[in-house]
Amino acid sequence: MAKCKPVASQVLKAEYDAVLNIGGVELPCYVLNNGVRALSQAGVLNALGMSFGGGPSSGPDRLARFVASERLKPYVSDGLTDRSTSPLLFHPKGGGPVVRGYEATVLADLCDAIMRADIEGVLQKQQAHIAMQARVVALGFMKVGIVAVVDEATGYQQQRAPDALQALLGRLLRETPGPRVKRFTTAFYNELYRLTGLPKRGGNHPRYFAALTRDLIYRRMGAPGLVPALEERNPSDANGNRQARHHQFLSDDFGVEVLIGHLHALLALMKLAKSLKQLRHLANQALPRLGDTLSLPLSDDLLDERDRA
């Protein structure tokens, strides 16, 4: 098994900090003085239901050993291996003992590897709870969304460069529509019919599904401001029709990848939910709306009446 690399001697300092509540798990998050968004090592282990435990896999290298394990290794990128074996060291904002942590997207990448290993059936039975936790937190920390969520929770969004969000939207979107490729699966629509109780019919899906898609997909993936940016590129006419599907304006190399990852996580929540109200609650915990308060309670009246038309 690979040995951990020596930790860099530089000790950074947290300039912003907060505690995120994701799926009922409290996760300390920080923005460091070099601009890196970070999560504490203890928080990452706790989010996945892992403990330092005892024996040879305990201690500071617990996560690195898990990432390098034979069962998980085929699903882990070189980047994740490098980051897990080179943790960050930083002082908390208010002072105190040095915190050991990781760049924030480590959790998203690790959840992705765990879920793929679970789908292939290679995890041990005693690791089933880790796979379940990975599903719960996975897309609360999308590789893109985690930056916006951490910035919001810590208050760093008030300090970041004004054009940072526009640059992010520029990566997610294209100016003209791409080819019309099916992105939303039959399974996705079957779950919507089940959860809403609406009858299936020939032709187009109910217009209410468009409102649900805006809420459950576009308002929760990628970046704050994604929906207005899509509306600007793909406006509706007087009859409510559009020139293309919103997803056709997602960039091929990045936006589509974010959408697919979000859909996988959402579908897992949909299968767990027994009602639309419960799905909204689960989505609020695991896939919070970007720009909303994370603990915002969801109700049946969440959508505007005009969205129900």
Protein backbone atom coordinates (compact mmCIF):
# COMPACT_ATOMS: atom_id res chain seq x y z
CA MET A 1 0.00 0.00 0.00
CA ALA A 2 1.30 3.46 -0.92
CA LYS A 3 2.89 5.48 1.81
CA CYS A 4 1.75 9.02 2.48
CA LYS A 5 3.84 11.85 1.16
CA PRO A 6 5.40 14.22 3.63
CA VAL A 7 3.08 17.05 4.58
CA ALA A 8 4.20 20.47 3.38
CA SER A 9 5.83 22.47 6.16
CA GLN A 10 3.90 25.66 5.43
CA VAL A 11 1.09 26.28 7.90
CA LEU A 12 -1.66 28.48 6.46
CA LYS A 13 -4.35 30.50 8.23
CA ALA A 14 -8.13 30.43 7.87
CA GLU A 15 -9.55 33.89 7.14
CA TYR A 16 -13.19 32.74 6.96
CA ASP A 17 -14.90 29.79 8.58
CA ALA A 18 -18.35 28.30 9.11
CA VAL A 19 -20.11 25.01 9.77
CA LEU A 20 -22.22 23.54 6.97
CA ASN A 21 -25.11 21.22 7.81
CA ILE A 22 -25.36 18.72 4.97
CA GLY A 23 -27.74 15.81 5.35
CA GLY A 24 -27.68 16.24 9.12
CA VAL A 25 -23.87 16.17 9.25
CA GLU A 26 -21.97 19.20 10.57
CA LEU A 27 -19.00 19.91 8.33
CA PRO A 28 -16.49 22.66 9.25
CA CYS A 29 -15.39 24.63 6.20
CA TYR A 30 -12.80 27.34 5.69
CA VAL A 31 -11.37 29.80 3.20
CA LEU A 32 -7.61 30.00 3.74
CA ASN A 33 -5.36 33.01 3.32
CA ASN A 34 -4.19 31.69 -0.07
CA GLY A 35 -7.80 31.50 -1.34
CA VAL A 36 -8.09 27.71 -1.05
CA ARG A 37 -11.47 26.43 0.17
CA ALA A 38 -10.87 23.71 2.71
CA LEU A 39 -12.66 21.12 4.83
CA SER A 40 -11.25 19.68 8.05
CA GLN A 41 -10.05 16.08 7.97
CA ALA A 42 -12.27 15.21 10.92
CA GLY A 43 -15.25 16.74 9.11
CA VAL A 44 -14.63 14.71 5.95
CA LEU A 45 -14.35 11.46 7.92
CA ASN A 46 -17.48 12.29 9.90
CA ALA A 47 -19.45 13.15 6.74
CA LEU A 48 -18.72 9.67 5.39
CA GLY A 49 -19.46 7.89 8.66
CA MET A 50 -15.80 6.99 9.13
CA SER A 51 -13.85 7.23 12.37
CA PHE A 52 -10.13 7.35 13.16
CA GLY A 53 -10.67 4.02 14.90
CA GLY A 54 -7.74 1.95 16.04
CA GLY A 55 -5.06 -0.28 14.63
CA PRO A 56 -2.77 0.32 11.66
CA SER A 57 -5.36 2.32 9.64
CA SER A 58 -5.95 4.84 12.40
CA GLY A 59 -4.52 8.30 12.87
CA PRO A 60 -3.83 11.13 10.42
CA ASP A 61 -3.40 8.84 7.42
CA ARG A 62 -6.86 7.20 7.78
CA LEU A 63 -8.34 8.84 4.69
CA ALA A 64 -5.23 8.35 2.55
CA ARG A 65 -5.18 4.64 3.42
CA PHE A 66 -8.86 4.31 2.53
CA VAL A 67 -8.31 6.06 -0.83
CA ALA A 68 -5.33 3.76 -1.57
CA SER A 69 -7.19 0.56 -0.60
CA GLU A 70 -7.34 -2.13 -3.27
CA ARG A 71 -11.14 -2.05 -3.41
CA LEU A 72 -11.38 1.72 -4.00
CA LYS A 73 -8.15 2.36 -5.91
CA PRO A 74 -9.51 1.54 -9.41
CA TYR A 75 -12.13 4.29 -9.03
CA VAL A 76 -9.80 6.99 -7.67
CA SER A 77 -8.15 9.64 -9.83
CA ASP A 78 -4.47 10.52 -9.49
CA GLY A 79 -5.52 13.98 -8.36
CA LEU A 80 -7.53 12.60 -5.45
CA THR A 81 -4.66 10.33 -4.43
CA ASP A 82 -2.26 13.26 -4.41
CA ARG A 83 -4.57 15.50 -2.38
CA SER A 84 -5.44 12.80 0.15
CA THR A 85 -1.77 12.07 0.81
CA SER A 86 -0.81 15.76 1.09
CA PRO A 87 -3.26 17.28 3.59
CA LEU A 88 -3.30 21.00 4.34
CA LEU A 89 -2.21 22.41 7.70
CA PHE A 90 -3.75 25.67 8.87
CA HIS A 91 -4.56 27.68 11.96
CA PRO A 92 -8.27 28.32 12.68
CA LYS A 93 -9.51 31.88 12.24
CA GLY A 94 -9.72 32.48 15.99
CA GLY A 95 -6.42 30.79 16.76
CA GLY A 96 -5.83 27.46 18.45
CA PRO A 97 -4.27 24.12 17.48
CA VAL A 98 -3.35 23.51 13.85
CA VAL A 99 -6.15 21.93 11.81
CA ARG A 100 -5.45 19.14 9.34
CA GLY A 101 -7.67 19.31 6.27
CA TYR A 102 -8.14 19.00 2.52
CA GLU A 103 -9.06 21.14 -0.45
CA ALA A 104 -12.88 21.15 -0.50
CA THR A 105 -13.45 19.19 -3.73
CA VAL A 106 -11.74 16.14 -2.17
CA LEU A 107 -15.09 15.21 -0.62
CA ALA A 108 -16.96 15.41 -3.94
CA ASP A 109 -14.31 13.33 -5.72
CA LEU A 110 -14.20 10.78 -2.91
CA CYS A 111 -18.00 10.39 -2.88
CA ASP A 112 -17.91 9.81 -6.64
CA ALA A 113 -15.30 7.05 -6.26
CA ILE A 114 -17.21 5.40 -3.40
CA MET A 115 -20.52 5.41 -5.30
CA ARG A 116 -18.93 3.90 -8.41
CA ALA A 117 -17.24 1.21 -6.33
CA ASP A 118 -20.57 0.48 -4.65
CA ILE A 119 -22.37 0.19 -7.99
CA GLU A 120 -19.76 -2.37 -9.08
CA GLY A 121 -20.34 -4.29 -5.84
CA VAL A 122 -16.72 -4.26 -4.68
CA LEU A 123 -17.16 -2.63 -1.27
CA GLN A 124 -17.25 -4.77 1.86
CA LYS A 125 -20.51 -5.24 3.78
CA GLN A 126 -19.18 -3.20 6.68
CA GLN A 127 -18.61 -0.31 4.26
CA ALA A 128 -22.27 -0.14 3.21
CA HIS A 129 -22.92 2.78 5.57
CA ILE A 130 -20.07 4.71 3.94
CA ALA A 131 -21.65 4.21 0.52
CA MET A 132 -24.99 5.43 1.88
CA GLN A 133 -23.36 8.54 3.39
CA ALA A 134 -21.60 9.21 0.09
CA ARG A 135 -24.97 9.26 -1.65
CA VAL A 136 -26.40 11.67 0.91
CA VAL A 137 -23.62 14.25 0.70
CA ALA A 138 -22.33 13.69 -2.86
CA LEU A 139 -23.91 16.50 -4.78
CA GLY A 140 -24.21 18.84 -1.85
CA PHE A 141 -20.56 19.23 -2.77
CA MET A 142 -20.37 19.20 -6.54
CA LYS A 143 -16.92 20.03 -7.85
CA VAL A 144 -18.34 23.37 -8.90
CA GLY A 145 -21.10 23.91 -6.38
CA ILE A 146 -18.91 23.36 -3.34
CA VAL A 147 -17.05 26.59 -4.07
CA ALA A 148 -20.25 28.62 -4.14
CA VAL A 149 -21.69 26.90 -1.06
CA VAL A 150 -18.54 27.34 1.04
CA ASP A 151 -18.22 30.96 -0.06
CA GLU A 152 -21.80 31.63 0.96
CA ALA A 153 -21.53 29.94 4.35
CA THR A 154 -18.28 31.69 5.28
CA GLY A 155 -19.17 35.12 3.92
CA TYR A 156 -16.27 35.03 1.47
CA GLN A 157 -18.67 35.71 -1.40
CA GLN A 158 -18.61 39.37 -0.34
CA GLN A 159 -14.84 39.50 -0.97
CA ARG A 160 -14.28 37.37 -4.05
CA ALA A 161 -13.62 38.95 -7.43
CA PRO A 162 -16.83 40.39 -8.96
CA ASP A 163 -16.28 38.51 -12.22
CA ALA A 164 -15.64 35.11 -10.58
CA LEU A 165 -19.27 34.02 -10.95
CA GLN A 166 -19.39 35.14 -14.57
CA ALA A 167 -16.24 33.13 -15.26
CA LEU A 168 -17.87 30.07 -13.71
CA LEU A 169 -21.03 30.53 -15.78
CA GLY A 170 -18.81 30.92 -18.83
CA ARG A 171 -17.41 27.43 -18.20
CA LEU A 172 -20.86 25.93 -17.67
CA LEU A 173 -22.63 27.48 -20.66
CA ARG A 174 -22.36 27.95 -24.39
CA GLU A 175 -23.81 30.88 -26.32
CA THR A 176 -25.71 28.87 -28.95
CA PRO A 177 -27.63 25.61 -28.48
CA GLY A 178 -25.87 22.33 -29.08
CA PRO A 179 -27.45 19.24 -30.67
CA ARG A 180 -30.63 17.90 -29.11
CA VAL A 181 -29.45 14.86 -27.14
CA LYS A 182 -31.62 13.08 -24.58
CA ARG A 183 -30.26 13.96 -21.12
CA PHE A 184 -33.24 13.22 -18.86
CA THR A 185 -33.85 9.50 -18.60
CA THR A 186 -37.11 7.57 -18.53
CA ALA A 187 -36.31 6.65 -14.92
CA PHE A 188 -36.22 10.37 -13.99
CA TYR A 189 -39.69 10.98 -15.47
CA ASN A 190 -41.10 7.77 -14.00
CA GLU A 191 -40.08 9.00 -10.55
CA LEU A 192 -41.67 12.40 -11.19
CA TYR A 193 -44.96 10.72 -12.14
CA ARG A 194 -44.81 8.52 -9.05
CA LEU A 195 -44.02 11.36 -6.66
CA THR A 196 -46.53 13.84 -8.09
CA GLY A 197 -49.29 11.29 -8.63
CA LEU A 198 -49.95 12.73 -12.10
CA PRO A 199 -51.15 10.24 -14.73
CA LYS A 200 -48.89 9.37 -17.65
CA ARG A 201 -50.13 10.49 -21.01
CA GLY A 202 -49.02 10.43 -24.61
CA GLY A 203 -47.05 13.34 -26.04
CA ASN A 204 -45.37 15.95 -23.88
CA HIS A 205 -44.92 15.69 -20.14
CA PRO A 206 -47.01 17.96 -17.86
CA ARG A 207 -45.81 21.58 -17.82
CA TYR A 208 -45.47 21.30 -14.04
CA PHE A 209 -42.47 19.04 -14.69
CA ALA A 210 -40.66 22.01 -16.25
CA ALA A 211 -41.09 23.94 -12.98
CA LEU A 212 -39.86 20.95 -10.98
CA THR A 213 -36.85 20.61 -13.29
CA ARG A 214 -35.92 24.26 -12.77
CA ASP A 215 -36.16 23.82 -9.01
CA LEU A 216 -34.55 20.39 -8.61
CA ILE A 217 -31.93 20.67 -11.35
CA TYR A 218 -30.91 24.09 -12.62
CA ARG A 219 -31.34 26.03 -9.36
CA ARG A 220 -29.20 23.49 -7.48
CA MET A 221 -26.36 22.66 -9.90
CA GLY A 222 -23.32 24.54 -11.03
CA ALA A 223 -23.60 28.10 -9.78
CA PRO A 224 -25.97 30.78 -8.48
CA GLY A 225 -27.44 32.69 -11.41
CA LEU A 226 -27.55 29.69 -13.73
CA VAL A 227 -31.31 29.90 -14.29
CA PRO A 228 -31.29 33.63 -15.28
CA ALA A 229 -28.34 32.96 -17.58
CA LEU A 230 -30.23 30.11 -19.25
CA GLU A 231 -33.38 32.22 -19.55
CA GLU A 232 -31.36 34.96 -21.24
CA ARG A 233 -29.95 32.54 -23.79
CA ASN A 234 -33.14 30.54 -24.23
CA PRO A 235 -36.16 32.81 -23.60
CA SER A 236 -39.74 31.64 -23.96
CA ASP A 237 -42.09 33.24 -26.48
CA ALA A 238 -45.60 34.57 -25.86
CA ASN A 239 -46.94 31.01 -25.89
CA GLY A 240 -44.38 29.73 -23.39
CA ASN A 241 -42.35 27.85 -26.00
CA ARG A 242 -38.56 27.93 -26.31
CA GLN A 243 -36.20 27.55 -29.26
CA ALA A 244 -34.35 24.68 -27.53
CA ARG A 245 -34.03 22.72 -24.30
CA HIS A 246 -32.11 24.44 -21.54
CA HIS A 247 -29.58 21.61 -21.36
CA GLN A 248 -28.57 22.29 -24.98
CA PHE A 249 -26.88 25.47 -23.72
CA LEU A 250 -24.60 23.57 -21.32
CA SER A 251 -20.98 23.31 -22.46
CA ASP A 252 -20.01 19.88 -23.78
CA ASP A 253 -16.79 19.54 -21.80
CA PHE A 254 -18.03 20.82 -18.43
CA GLY A 255 -21.68 21.82 -18.16
CA VAL A 256 -23.01 18.48 -19.39
CA GLU A 257 -20.71 16.61 -16.98
CA VAL A 258 -22.08 18.66 -14.06
CA LEU A 259 -25.66 18.01 -15.19
CA ILE A 260 -25.13 14.24 -15.47
CA GLY A 261 -23.55 14.06 -12.03
CA HIS A 262 -26.38 16.07 -10.52
CA LEU A 263 -29.01 13.87 -12.18
CA HIS A 264 -27.41 10.70 -10.77
CA ALA A 265 -27.49 12.12 -7.25
CA LEU A 266 -31.03 13.45 -7.61
CA LEU A 267 -32.33 10.13 -8.95
CA ALA A 268 -30.93 8.38 -5.87
CA LEU A 269 -32.87 10.81 -3.66
CA MET A 270 -36.02 10.37 -5.76
CA LYS A 271 -35.92 6.61 -5.26
CA LEU A 272 -35.65 7.11 -1.49
CA ALA A 273 -38.53 9.59 -1.30
CA LYS A 274 -42.11 8.50 -0.69
CA SER A 275 -43.65 11.85 -1.67
CA LEU A 276 -42.80 15.05 -3.50
CA LYS A 277 -42.66 16.87 -0.16
CA GLN A 278 -40.10 14.38 1.14
CA LEU A 279 -38.05 14.69 -2.05
CA ARG A 280 -37.89 18.46 -1.61
CA HIS A 281 -36.73 17.98 1.96
CA LEU A 282 -34.01 15.52 0.90
CA ALA A 283 -32.93 17.78 -1.95
CA ASN A 284 -32.73 20.74 0.41
CA GLN A 285 -30.35 18.78 2.65
CA ALA A 286 -28.16 17.08 0.04
CA LEU A 287 -28.51 19.41 -2.97
CA PRO A 288 -29.27 22.88 -1.56
CA ARG A 289 -30.34 25.65 -3.87
CA LEU A 290 -27.28 27.76 -4.59
CA GLY A 291 -27.89 31.16 -3.05
CA ASP A 292 -30.42 29.92 -0.48
CA THR A 293 -29.85 29.36 3.23
CA LEU A 294 -28.90 25.71 3.69
CA SER A 295 -31.34 25.09 6.52
CA LEU A 296 -34.33 26.61 4.68
CA PRO A 297 -37.37 24.39 5.38
CA LEU A 298 -39.20 23.30 2.25
CA SER A 299 -42.96 23.35 1.93
CA ASP A 300 -45.50 22.31 -0.65
CA ASP A 301 -45.83 25.97 -1.65
CA LEU A 302 -42.16 26.30 -2.61
CA LEU A 303 -42.89 26.91 -6.28
CA ASP A 304 -44.62 30.02 -7.56
CA GLU A 305 -48.19 29.53 -8.72
CA ARG A 306 -47.14 30.64 -12.18
CA ASP A 307 -44.71 27.69 -12.25
CA ARG A 308 -47.61 25.30 -11.68
CA ALA A 309 -49.42 26.43 -14.80
